[in-house]
Structures are given as structure tokens and as C-alpha cells.
Amino acid sequence: MYHRKTSPPGFRPPGHVAVGRRMTDPLILHLLLAFTVGGAWVSSATLIAERYGSALGGLVGGLPAISIVSFLFIGLNQGRETASQATIVFPLALSFTMSFLLVYAVVARRGFRAAFLAALLVWASLSAFTALLNLRNLFFSIGVFLSVTTFYFYVLKAKMKLPHIGGAEIAYSLRQVAFRAVVGGSIVALAVLSSQLGGPEAGGIASSFPAIFSLTLFFTYITRGMALSRALTKPLLISASLTAFPYSLLVGYLYPILGVGIGTMVALSCTVPLVALAHLLINVKKI
């Protein structure tokens, strides 16, 4: 009589283990890269803001660090079509990040804790509402973003008249810089991980998470106080609007045509003149 061989409980064939490792190893590598990029970006943005003022700090902090990494890794792990689809909701989600900045600036008069928590609550509520409605319309996302950002800029500049705050000579210890890098890298890596675990909509929302914004506001408040932290909201909004928003549109268009690698390089190349424009408006024209 033929007896089928049975494997002991918990036994997995070598091939199964190898496949599992091939799936998890790239994700771990990507998270380590996100941790490194995030830590370096947060440290740079906060140090520049504290030493050289709100204009240059806001310019650097508003550049699309998280979205670049998130879209790239979504494309590598889940395919270029999924990454392209994630860009559909990104402008809408980015408008929620702009809401984070406005709420922080408005509530800042009540103290940092109230402003920070209120801003996070607004962002989380709007993001959760969008996820439940499953909104996937690029033209709707772009329309909301342009309307919201234009109105918020008007409020910050014309109504609130936020000033540009200059820099100051500050000595930093290696421990302080390392702490900022570790905290910043951890939160950015967590945001990138969230963008990998969900579908295209969750990826687009997670890619716009205000990790660098929130940490830049937090660390500058700790070192220089509320004046600098609050003043950063306007240049952060301008920088992100001129760089992160068009970068997402470029990714959505280029990834399906050119692939993830070349598409990323072309999108970054096209974003360089926009960074120069943001520098001109923020640091030279002082708008």
C-alpha cells in the first residue's frame, strides 16, 4: 500500500523559504534606504532653518523627499502601474498636508502642543475620510489641491503676514544631530512602509504624510522657539507646491512609459528648474 509522506508540523520546503526571503529582503533594504534619506533630510532641513532662517529652511524642507522614495519603492516592489495609480490621489492628499501647515500656523498662538496636535488631527481626519470614500480622480485631486493651496497661501501671506525669520549661530553636538537623524529616519521609514503595505490609494496618502514638515516644525520650535517654527509654514507650502506636486504628475505620466528607473531620473531632472523657481520666489523675491 502506498503511504504519502507527510511533513512534520511547522516544516516549510527550502523553496518556500527562498521565495519568502526574496520578497522581504528588498523591502528591508528599501526601508534602510528610506531611514537614511529621511534622517539626512530632516537633519539638513532643521539645521539650515535654524542657522540660515525660515526661507532657506522652508525651501529644503518642502522638497519631495518622501514622495520620491515612496513612489520609487512602490514601483520597484509593486510595479510601475501601481506607482502611477498612487499619484492619482497624491495631489488631494498633499492638500491635506497643506491643511496641516495652515492649522499649525493659526493655532500656534495657543502654544506648540495645541497647534501640533490640532494640525495632526486635521490631517489624519481628512486622510481617513478620503480613504473611506475611495476617491480616485486625477482632475478632482488637482482641482482641490490648486484651490486649497492658493487660498492657504493668501491667508498665510496677506492675512497672517508671516515674516521671514533670519538665522542664528548655534553650536550643535554630535548627539543632537544624531538624535534628529534617528527620529527623522524612523518616521520617514514608517511612512514609506505604510505606502508599501496598502493599495495605490493608501500609497498616495502615505507618500504625502507630513513627516519632514512636522519634524522640522518640532525641532525648530525646541531650538529657536515658536516664531521661527510658525514662519516656516509659508515657505514649506510654496516649496512643496512647486516641487512635490508637479513631481507626482511627472511620475504618474512617465512610469508607465519609461519604467521606474528612467522615469525617476527624468522626473527628477524636470523638477530641478522648479526647485530653482522655488528658490527665486522664496529666498530672492521673499514672497
C-alpha atoms as a PDB file:
ATOM      1  CA  MET A   1       0.000   0.000   0.000  1.00  0.00           C
ATOM      2  CA  TYR A   2       1.275   3.451  -0.875  1.00  0.00           C
ATOM      3  CA  HIS A   3       1.755   5.838   2.013  1.00  0.00           C
ATOM      4  CA  ARG A   4       2.095   9.543   1.243  1.00  0.00           C
ATOM      5  CA  LYS A   5       4.944  11.219   3.058  1.00  0.00           C
ATOM      6  CA  THR A   6       3.845  13.959   5.410  1.00  0.00           C
ATOM      7  CA  SER A   7       5.995  16.796   6.616  1.00  0.00           C
ATOM      8  CA  PRO A   8       6.343  17.480  10.314  1.00  0.00           C
ATOM      9  CA  PRO A   9       4.315  20.408  11.707  1.00  0.00           C
ATOM     10  CA  GLY A  10       5.915  23.763  11.020  1.00  0.00           C
ATOM     11  CA  PHE A  11       8.113  22.376   8.224  1.00  0.00           C
ATOM     12  CA  ARG A  12       8.491  24.511   5.105  1.00  0.00           C
ATOM     13  CA  PRO A  13      10.260  23.390   1.953  1.00  0.00           C
ATOM     14  CA  PRO A  14      13.513  25.192   1.146  1.00  0.00           C
ATOM     15  CA  GLY A  15      11.984  26.707  -1.979  1.00  0.00           C
ATOM     16  CA  HIS A  16       9.203  28.336   0.037  1.00  0.00           C
ATOM     17  CA  VAL A  17      11.714  29.914   2.397  1.00  0.00           C
ATOM     18  CA  ALA A  18      13.778  31.187  -0.518  1.00  0.00           C
ATOM     19  CA  VAL A  19      10.741  32.865  -2.092  1.00  0.00           C
ATOM     20  CA  GLY A  20       9.833  34.488   1.224  1.00  0.00           C
ATOM     21  CA  ARG A  21      13.343  35.814   1.596  1.00  0.00           C
ATOM     22  CA  ARG A  22      13.358  37.210  -1.922  1.00  0.00           C
ATOM     23  CA  MET A  23      10.157  39.119  -1.125  1.00  0.00           C
ATOM     24  CA  THR A  24      11.238  40.507   2.243  1.00  0.00           C
ATOM     25  CA  ASP A  25      14.889  41.328   1.519  1.00  0.00           C
ATOM     26  CA  PRO A  26      14.182  44.155  -0.990  1.00  0.00           C
ATOM     27  CA  LEU A  27      11.635  45.707   1.364  1.00  0.00           C
ATOM     28  CA  ILE A  28      14.118  45.692   4.241  1.00  0.00           C
ATOM     29  CA  LEU A  29      16.768  47.263   2.001  1.00  0.00           C
ATOM     30  CA  HIS A  30      14.305  49.921   0.851  1.00  0.00           C
ATOM     31  CA  LEU A  31      13.344  50.748   4.424  1.00  0.00           C
ATOM     32  CA  LEU A  32      17.006  51.120   5.369  1.00  0.00           C
ATOM     33  CA  LEU A  33      17.485  53.491   2.439  1.00  0.00           C
ATOM     34  CA  ALA A  34      14.352  55.420   3.453  1.00  0.00           C
ATOM     35  CA  PHE A  35      15.701  55.654   7.011  1.00  0.00           C
ATOM     36  CA  THR A  36      18.996  57.039   5.724  1.00  0.00           C
ATOM     37  CA  VAL A  37      17.425  59.532   3.324  1.00  0.00           C
ATOM     38  CA  GLY A  38      14.821  60.633   5.871  1.00  0.00           C
ATOM     39  CA  GLY A  39      17.344  61.096   8.651  1.00  0.00           C
ATOM     40  CA  ALA A  40      19.678  63.122   6.455  1.00  0.00           C
ATOM     41  CA  TRP A  41      16.822  65.264   5.104  1.00  0.00           C
ATOM     42  CA  VAL A  42      15.306  66.065   8.497  1.00  0.00           C
ATOM     43  CA  SER A  43      18.696  66.930   9.975  1.00  0.00           C
ATOM     44  CA  SER A  44      19.580  69.126   6.998  1.00  0.00           C
ATOM     45  CA  ALA A  45      16.245  70.949   6.890  1.00  0.00           C
ATOM     46  CA  THR A  46      16.208  71.753  10.603  1.00  0.00           C
ATOM     47  CA  LEU A  47      19.863  72.781  10.786  1.00  0.00           C
ATOM     48  CA  ILE A  48      19.536  75.007   7.717  1.00  0.00           C
ATOM     49  CA  ALA A  49      16.365  76.625   9.073  1.00  0.00           C
ATOM     50  CA  GLU A  50      17.974  77.359  12.439  1.00  0.00           C
ATOM     51  CA  ARG A  51      21.242  78.670  11.016  1.00  0.00           C
ATOM     52  CA  TYR A  52      20.099  80.400   7.831  1.00  0.00           C
ATOM     53  CA  GLY A  53      16.483  81.296   8.530  1.00  0.00           C
ATOM     54  CA  SER A  54      12.956  80.290   7.623  1.00  0.00           C
ATOM     55  CA  ALA A  55      13.208  80.952   3.873  1.00  0.00           C
ATOM     56  CA  LEU A  56      16.041  78.546   3.067  1.00  0.00           C
ATOM     57  CA  GLY A  57      14.918  76.040   5.698  1.00  0.00           C
ATOM     58  CA  GLY A  58      11.398  76.002   4.288  1.00  0.00           C
ATOM     59  CA  LEU A  59      12.733  75.558   0.760  1.00  0.00           C
ATOM     60  CA  VAL A  60      14.749  72.480   1.726  1.00  0.00           C
ATOM     61  CA  GLY A  61      12.049  71.042   3.993  1.00  0.00           C
ATOM     62  CA  GLY A  62       9.405  71.334   1.275  1.00  0.00           C
ATOM     63  CA  LEU A  63      11.290  69.326  -1.350  1.00  0.00           C
ATOM     64  CA  PRO A  64       9.645  65.981  -2.207  1.00  0.00           C
ATOM     65  CA  ALA A  65      11.922  63.659  -0.231  1.00  0.00           C
ATOM     66  CA  ILE A  66       9.274  61.217   0.994  1.00  0.00           C
ATOM     67  CA  SER A  67       7.307  61.163  -2.254  1.00  0.00           C
ATOM     68  CA  ILE A  68      10.436  60.444  -4.297  1.00  0.00           C
ATOM     69  CA  VAL A  69      11.344  57.489  -2.094  1.00  0.00           C
ATOM     70  CA  SER A  70       7.771  56.233  -1.730  1.00  0.00           C
ATOM     71  CA  PHE A  71       6.901  56.270  -5.436  1.00  0.00           C
ATOM     72  CA  LEU A  72      10.243  54.707  -6.313  1.00  0.00           C
ATOM     73  CA  PHE A  73       9.811  51.837  -3.875  1.00  0.00           C
ATOM     74  CA  ILE A  74       6.146  51.307  -4.787  1.00  0.00           C
ATOM     75  CA  GLY A  75       7.294  50.970  -8.381  1.00  0.00           C
ATOM     76  CA  LEU A  76      10.097  48.560  -7.530  1.00  0.00           C
ATOM     77  CA  ASN A  77       8.019  46.407  -5.160  1.00  0.00           C
ATOM     78  CA  GLN A  78       4.531  46.541  -6.668  1.00  0.00           C
ATOM     79  CA  GLY A  79       5.075  47.578 -10.266  1.00  0.00           C
ATOM     80  CA  ARG A  80       5.162  50.807 -12.208  1.00  0.00           C
ATOM     81  CA  GLU A  81       1.418  50.780 -12.876  1.00  0.00           C
ATOM     82  CA  THR A  82       0.649  50.667  -9.161  1.00  0.00           C
ATOM     83  CA  ALA A  83       3.070  53.537  -8.530  1.00  0.00           C
ATOM     84  CA  SER A  84       1.436  55.525 -11.326  1.00  0.00           C
ATOM     85  CA  GLN A  85      -2.012  54.914  -9.847  1.00  0.00           C
ATOM     86  CA  ALA A  86      -0.769  56.082  -6.435  1.00  0.00           C
ATOM     87  CA  THR A  87      -0.066  59.508  -7.923  1.00  0.00           C
ATOM     88  CA  ILE A  88      -3.769  59.996  -8.721  1.00  0.00           C
ATOM     89  CA  VAL A  89      -4.713  60.645  -5.093  1.00  0.00           C
ATOM     90  CA  PHE A  90      -1.421  62.334  -4.190  1.00  0.00           C
ATOM     91  CA  PRO A  91      -2.424  65.949  -5.063  1.00  0.00           C
ATOM     92  CA  LEU A  92      -5.562  65.577  -2.943  1.00  0.00           C
ATOM     93  CA  ALA A  93      -3.555  64.081  -0.078  1.00  0.00           C
ATOM     94  CA  LEU A  94      -0.962  66.845  -0.445  1.00  0.00           C
ATOM     95  CA  SER A  95      -3.715  69.409   0.049  1.00  0.00           C
ATOM     96  CA  PHE A  96      -4.291  67.781   3.445  1.00  0.00           C
ATOM     97  CA  THR A  97      -0.609  68.294   4.218  1.00  0.00           C
ATOM     98  CA  MET A  98      -1.076  71.965   3.348  1.00  0.00           C
ATOM     99  CA  SER A  99      -4.026  71.971   5.753  1.00  0.00           C
ATOM    100  CA  PHE A 100      -1.621  70.674   8.383  1.00  0.00           C
ATOM    101  CA  LEU A 101       0.581  73.735   7.826  1.00  0.00           C
ATOM    102  CA  LEU A 102      -2.291  76.239   7.923  1.00  0.00           C
ATOM    103  CA  VAL A 103      -3.847  74.787  11.077  1.00  0.00           C
ATOM    104  CA  TYR A 104      -0.459  74.802  12.791  1.00  0.00           C
ATOM    105  CA  ALA A 105       0.124  78.448  11.872  1.00  0.00           C
ATOM    106  CA  VAL A 106      -3.360  79.509  13.021  1.00  0.00           C
ATOM    107  CA  VAL A 107      -3.413  77.588  16.315  1.00  0.00           C
ATOM    108  CA  ALA A 108       0.247  78.397  17.121  1.00  0.00           C
ATOM    109  CA  ARG A 109      -0.897  81.321  19.278  1.00  0.00           C
ATOM    110  CA  ARG A 110      -2.264  78.762  21.760  1.00  0.00           C
ATOM    111  CA  GLY A 111       1.098  77.064  22.111  1.00  0.00           C
ATOM    112  CA  PHE A 112       3.071  74.393  20.321  1.00  0.00           C
ATOM    113  CA  ARG A 113       1.293  71.364  21.765  1.00  0.00           C
ATOM    114  CA  ALA A 114      -2.182  72.593  20.817  1.00  0.00           C
ATOM    115  CA  ALA A 115      -1.058  73.644  17.338  1.00  0.00           C
ATOM    116  CA  PHE A 116       0.830  70.431  16.599  1.00  0.00           C
ATOM    117  CA  LEU A 117      -1.933  68.111  17.802  1.00  0.00           C
ATOM    118  CA  ALA A 118      -4.652  70.088  16.015  1.00  0.00           C
ATOM    119  CA  ALA A 119      -2.688  70.007  12.762  1.00  0.00           C
ATOM    120  CA  LEU A 120      -2.098  66.246  13.002  1.00  0.00           C
ATOM    121  CA  LEU A 121      -5.750  65.636  13.847  1.00  0.00           C
ATOM    122  CA  VAL A 122      -6.918  67.586  10.790  1.00  0.00           C
ATOM    123  CA  TRP A 123      -4.504  65.735   8.508  1.00  0.00           C
ATOM    124  CA  ALA A 124      -5.465  62.319   9.899  1.00  0.00           C
ATOM    125  CA  SER A 125      -9.203  63.049   9.693  1.00  0.00           C
ATOM    126  CA  LEU A 126      -9.072  64.257   6.100  1.00  0.00           C
ATOM    127  CA  SER A 127      -6.856  61.332   5.056  1.00  0.00           C
ATOM    128  CA  ALA A 128      -9.128  58.764   6.722  1.00  0.00           C
ATOM    129  CA  PHE A 129     -12.197  60.326   5.123  1.00  0.00           C
ATOM    130  CA  THR A 130     -10.569  60.155   1.687  1.00  0.00           C
ATOM    131  CA  ALA A 131      -9.539  56.531   2.195  1.00  0.00           C
ATOM    132  CA  LEU A 132     -13.119  55.587   3.110  1.00  0.00           C
ATOM    133  CA  LEU A 133     -14.591  57.346   0.071  1.00  0.00           C
ATOM    134  CA  ASN A 134     -12.014  55.743  -2.241  1.00  0.00           C
ATOM    135  CA  LEU A 135     -11.621  58.875  -4.343  1.00  0.00           C
ATOM    136  CA  ARG A 136      -9.579  58.225  -7.484  1.00  0.00           C
ATOM    137  CA  ASN A 137      -9.944  61.064  -9.934  1.00  0.00           C
ATOM    138  CA  LEU A 138      -6.841  62.936 -11.005  1.00  0.00           C
ATOM    139  CA  PHE A 139      -8.656  66.056 -12.192  1.00  0.00           C
ATOM    140  CA  PHE A 140     -10.585  66.265  -8.938  1.00  0.00           C
ATOM    141  CA  SER A 141      -7.354  65.863  -6.956  1.00  0.00           C
ATOM    142  CA  ILE A 142      -5.595  68.569  -8.965  1.00  0.00           C
ATOM    143  CA  GLY A 143      -8.555  70.934  -8.693  1.00  0.00           C
ATOM    144  CA  VAL A 144      -8.782  70.563  -4.931  1.00  0.00           C
ATOM    145  CA  PHE A 145      -5.036  70.972  -4.487  1.00  0.00           C
ATOM    146  CA  LEU A 146      -4.778  74.143  -6.584  1.00  0.00           C
ATOM    147  CA  SER A 147      -7.807  75.734  -4.926  1.00  0.00           C
ATOM    148  CA  VAL A 148      -6.742  74.859  -1.394  1.00  0.00           C
ATOM    149  CA  THR A 149      -3.094  75.839  -1.842  1.00  0.00           C
ATOM    150  CA  THR A 150      -3.934  79.173  -3.452  1.00  0.00           C
ATOM    151  CA  PHE A 151      -6.315  80.051  -0.632  1.00  0.00           C
ATOM    152  CA  TYR A 152      -3.880  78.929   2.081  1.00  0.00           C
ATOM    153  CA  PHE A 153      -1.052  80.966   0.560  1.00  0.00           C
ATOM    154  CA  TYR A 154      -3.301  84.031   0.518  1.00  0.00           C
ATOM    155  CA  VAL A 155      -4.157  83.513   4.188  1.00  0.00           C
ATOM    156  CA  LEU A 156      -0.542  82.984   5.289  1.00  0.00           C
ATOM    157  CA  LYS A 157       0.846  85.920   3.318  1.00  0.00           C
ATOM    158  CA  ALA A 158      -1.915  88.530   3.103  1.00  0.00           C
ATOM    159  CA  LYS A 159      -3.946  87.876   6.250  1.00  0.00           C
ATOM    160  CA  MET A 160      -1.459  86.446   8.745  1.00  0.00           C
ATOM    161  CA  LYS A 161       1.514  88.306   7.234  1.00  0.00           C
ATOM    162  CA  LEU A 162       4.014  85.708   8.384  1.00  0.00           C
ATOM    163  CA  PRO A 163       7.504  87.233   8.388  1.00  0.00           C
ATOM    164  CA  HIS A 164      10.793  85.766   7.266  1.00  0.00           C
ATOM    165  CA  ILE A 165      12.896  84.902  10.321  1.00  0.00           C
ATOM    166  CA  GLY A 166      16.663  85.124   9.989  1.00  0.00           C
ATOM    167  CA  GLY A 167      19.203  82.551  11.088  1.00  0.00           C
ATOM    168  CA  ALA A 168      21.372  82.417  14.190  1.00  0.00           C
ATOM    169  CA  GLU A 169      24.733  80.963  15.144  1.00  0.00           C
ATOM    170  CA  ILE A 170      24.005  77.753  17.015  1.00  0.00           C
ATOM    171  CA  ALA A 171      26.513  75.129  18.095  1.00  0.00           C
ATOM    172  CA  TYR A 172      25.311  71.543  17.767  1.00  0.00           C
ATOM    173  CA  SER A 173      26.677  68.456  19.416  1.00  0.00           C
ATOM    174  CA  LEU A 174      27.043  65.205  17.525  1.00  0.00           C
ATOM    175  CA  ARG A 175      24.433  63.725  19.855  1.00  0.00           C
ATOM    176  CA  GLN A 176      21.862  66.356  18.862  1.00  0.00           C
ATOM    177  CA  VAL A 177      22.407  65.822  15.152  1.00  0.00           C
ATOM    178  CA  ALA A 178      22.323  62.035  15.543  1.00  0.00           C
ATOM    179  CA  PHE A 179      19.094  62.211  17.549  1.00  0.00           C
ATOM    180  CA  ARG A 180      17.377  64.233  14.840  1.00  0.00           C
ATOM    181  CA  ALA A 181      18.613  61.838  12.171  1.00  0.00           C
ATOM    182  CA  VAL A 182      17.387  58.753  14.044  1.00  0.00           C
ATOM    183  CA  VAL A 183      13.963  60.222  14.817  1.00  0.00           C
ATOM    184  CA  GLY A 184      13.559  61.612  11.316  1.00  0.00           C
ATOM    185  CA  GLY A 185      14.750  58.432   9.636  1.00  0.00           C
ATOM    186  CA  SER A 186      12.448  56.268  11.733  1.00  0.00           C
ATOM    187  CA  ILE A 187       9.322  58.288  10.960  1.00  0.00           C
ATOM    188  CA  VAL A 188      10.123  58.572   7.260  1.00  0.00           C
ATOM    189  CA  ALA A 189      10.802  54.820   7.075  1.00  0.00           C
ATOM    190  CA  LEU A 190       7.459  54.199   8.795  1.00  0.00           C
ATOM    191  CA  ALA A 191       5.699  56.426   6.259  1.00  0.00           C
ATOM    192  CA  VAL A 192       7.389  54.595   3.392  1.00  0.00           C
ATOM    193  CA  LEU A 193       6.451  51.229   4.915  1.00  0.00           C
ATOM    194  CA  SER A 194       2.817  52.359   5.099  1.00  0.00           C
ATOM    195  CA  SER A 195       2.940  53.299   1.426  1.00  0.00           C
ATOM    196  CA  GLN A 196       4.123  49.763   0.578  1.00  0.00           C
ATOM    197  CA  LEU A 197       1.528  47.814   2.560  1.00  0.00           C
ATOM    198  CA  GLY A 198      -1.675  49.286   1.152  1.00  0.00           C
ATOM    199  CA  GLY A 199      -3.037  49.721  -2.332  1.00  0.00           C
ATOM    200  CA  PRO A 200      -2.443  52.662  -4.672  1.00  0.00           C
ATOM    201  CA  GLU A 201      -4.707  54.987  -2.692  1.00  0.00           C
ATOM    202  CA  ALA A 202      -3.016  54.216   0.638  1.00  0.00           C
ATOM    203  CA  GLY A 203       0.341  54.612  -1.092  1.00  0.00           C
ATOM    204  CA  GLY A 204      -0.573  58.044  -2.389  1.00  0.00           C
ATOM    205  CA  ILE A 205      -1.805  59.213   1.012  1.00  0.00           C
ATOM    206  CA  ALA A 206       1.228  57.825   2.870  1.00  0.00           C
ATOM    207  CA  SER A 207       3.548  59.463   0.318  1.00  0.00           C
ATOM    208  CA  SER A 208       2.176  62.870   1.362  1.00  0.00           C
ATOM    209  CA  PHE A 209       2.455  62.261   5.118  1.00  0.00           C
ATOM    210  CA  PRO A 210       3.911  65.452   6.690  1.00  0.00           C
ATOM    211  CA  ALA A 211       6.816  63.649   8.354  1.00  0.00           C
ATOM    212  CA  ILE A 212       9.516  66.146   7.397  1.00  0.00           C
ATOM    213  CA  PHE A 213       7.150  69.094   7.853  1.00  0.00           C
ATOM    214  CA  SER A 214       6.165  68.051  11.365  1.00  0.00           C
ATOM    215  CA  LEU A 215       9.711  67.233  12.483  1.00  0.00           C
ATOM    216  CA  THR A 216      11.069  70.471  11.028  1.00  0.00           C
ATOM    217  CA  LEU A 217       8.441  72.466  12.928  1.00  0.00           C
ATOM    218  CA  PHE A 218       9.104  70.469  16.096  1.00  0.00           C
ATOM    219  CA  PHE A 219      12.896  70.707  16.165  1.00  0.00           C
ATOM    220  CA  THR A 220      12.981  74.389  15.205  1.00  0.00           C
ATOM    221  CA  TYR A 221      10.473  75.123  17.961  1.00  0.00           C
ATOM    222  CA  ILE A 222      12.660  73.329  20.506  1.00  0.00           C
ATOM    223  CA  THR A 223      15.790  75.219  19.438  1.00  0.00           C
ATOM    224  CA  ARG A 224      14.570  78.664  18.326  1.00  0.00           C
ATOM    225  CA  GLY A 225      11.016  78.962  19.596  1.00  0.00           C
ATOM    226  CA  MET A 226       7.590  79.432  18.025  1.00  0.00           C
ATOM    227  CA  ALA A 227       8.485  82.470  15.887  1.00  0.00           C
ATOM    228  CA  LEU A 228      10.765  80.509  13.552  1.00  0.00           C
ATOM    229  CA  SER A 229       8.650  77.363  13.654  1.00  0.00           C
ATOM    230  CA  ARG A 230       5.496  79.243  12.667  1.00  0.00           C
ATOM    231  CA  ALA A 231       7.290  81.292   9.996  1.00  0.00           C
ATOM    232  CA  LEU A 232       8.384  78.073   8.263  1.00  0.00           C
ATOM    233  CA  THR A 233       4.827  77.171   7.279  1.00  0.00           C
ATOM    234  CA  LYS A 234       4.691  79.604   4.325  1.00  0.00           C
ATOM    235  CA  PRO A 235       7.971  78.624   2.598  1.00  0.00           C
ATOM    236  CA  LEU A 236       7.209  74.959   3.230  1.00  0.00           C
ATOM    237  CA  LEU A 237       3.870  75.385   1.452  1.00  0.00           C
ATOM    238  CA  ILE A 238       5.441  77.212  -1.501  1.00  0.00           C
ATOM    239  CA  SER A 239       8.306  74.749  -1.881  1.00  0.00           C
ATOM    240  CA  ALA A 240       6.105  71.654  -1.758  1.00  0.00           C
ATOM    241  CA  SER A 241       3.578  73.176  -4.161  1.00  0.00           C
ATOM    242  CA  LEU A 242       6.243  73.935  -6.762  1.00  0.00           C
ATOM    243  CA  THR A 243       8.178  70.667  -6.439  1.00  0.00           C
ATOM    244  CA  ALA A 244       6.286  67.767  -4.810  1.00  0.00           C
ATOM    245  CA  PHE A 245       3.030  68.400  -6.678  1.00  0.00           C
ATOM    246  CA  PRO A 246       4.481  68.502 -10.227  1.00  0.00           C
ATOM    247  CA  TYR A 247       6.862  65.649  -9.395  1.00  0.00           C
ATOM    248  CA  SER A 248       3.887  63.398  -8.660  1.00  0.00           C
ATOM    249  CA  LEU A 249       2.296  64.293 -12.003  1.00  0.00           C
ATOM    250  CA  LEU A 250       5.548  63.514 -13.796  1.00  0.00           C
ATOM    251  CA  VAL A 251       5.806  60.131 -12.069  1.00  0.00           C
ATOM    252  CA  GLY A 252       2.220  59.271 -12.957  1.00  0.00           C
ATOM    253  CA  TYR A 253       2.875  60.033 -16.613  1.00  0.00           C
ATOM    254  CA  LEU A 254       6.451  58.754 -17.009  1.00  0.00           C
ATOM    255  CA  TYR A 255       6.496  55.495 -15.034  1.00  0.00           C
ATOM    256  CA  PRO A 256       4.152  53.557 -17.376  1.00  0.00           C
ATOM    257  CA  ILE A 257       6.096  54.798 -20.424  1.00  0.00           C
ATOM    258  CA  LEU A 258       9.755  54.758 -19.329  1.00  0.00           C
ATOM    259  CA  GLY A 259       9.747  52.401 -16.367  1.00  0.00           C
ATOM    260  CA  VAL A 260      10.629  53.089 -12.752  1.00  0.00           C
ATOM    261  CA  GLY A 261      14.363  53.775 -13.050  1.00  0.00           C
ATOM    262  CA  ILE A 262      14.462  56.025 -16.110  1.00  0.00           C
ATOM    263  CA  GLY A 263      11.117  57.568 -15.172  1.00  0.00           C
ATOM    264  CA  THR A 264      12.505  58.616 -11.787  1.00  0.00           C
ATOM    265  CA  MET A 265      15.625  60.136 -13.363  1.00  0.00           C
ATOM    266  CA  VAL A 266      13.627  62.113 -15.928  1.00  0.00           C
ATOM    267  CA  ALA A 267      11.116  63.294 -13.301  1.00  0.00           C
ATOM    268  CA  LEU A 268      13.951  64.457 -11.045  1.00  0.00           C
ATOM    269  CA  SER A 269      15.619  66.261 -13.945  1.00  0.00           C
ATOM    270  CA  CYS A 270      12.396  68.065 -14.761  1.00  0.00           C
ATOM    271  CA  THR A 271      11.978  69.062 -11.110  1.00  0.00           C
ATOM    272  CA  VAL A 272      15.378  70.815 -10.889  1.00  0.00           C
ATOM    273  CA  PRO A 273      14.185  74.011 -12.665  1.00  0.00           C
ATOM    274  CA  LEU A 274      11.169  74.052 -10.343  1.00  0.00           C
ATOM    275  CA  VAL A 275      13.488  73.949  -7.320  1.00  0.00           C
ATOM    276  CA  ALA A 276      15.325  76.928  -8.811  1.00  0.00           C
ATOM    277  CA  LEU A 277      11.990  78.727  -9.252  1.00  0.00           C
ATOM    278  CA  ALA A 278      11.054  77.992  -5.636  1.00  0.00           C
ATOM    279  CA  HIS A 279      14.427  79.379  -4.531  1.00  0.00           C
ATOM    280  CA  LEU A 280      13.859  82.526  -6.570  1.00  0.00           C
ATOM    281  CA  LEU A 281      10.411  83.144  -5.113  1.00  0.00           C
ATOM    282  CA  ILE A 282      11.211  82.228  -1.518  1.00  0.00           C
ATOM    283  CA  ASN A 283      14.778  83.410  -0.987  1.00  0.00           C
ATOM    284  CA  VAL A 284      15.234  86.152  -3.599  1.00  0.00           C
ATOM    285  CA  LYS A 285      11.777  87.681  -4.067  1.00  0.00           C
ATOM    286  CA  LYS A 286      10.804  86.934  -0.447  1.00  0.00           C
ATOM    287  CA  ILE A 287       7.148  86.343  -1.339  1.00  0.00           C
END
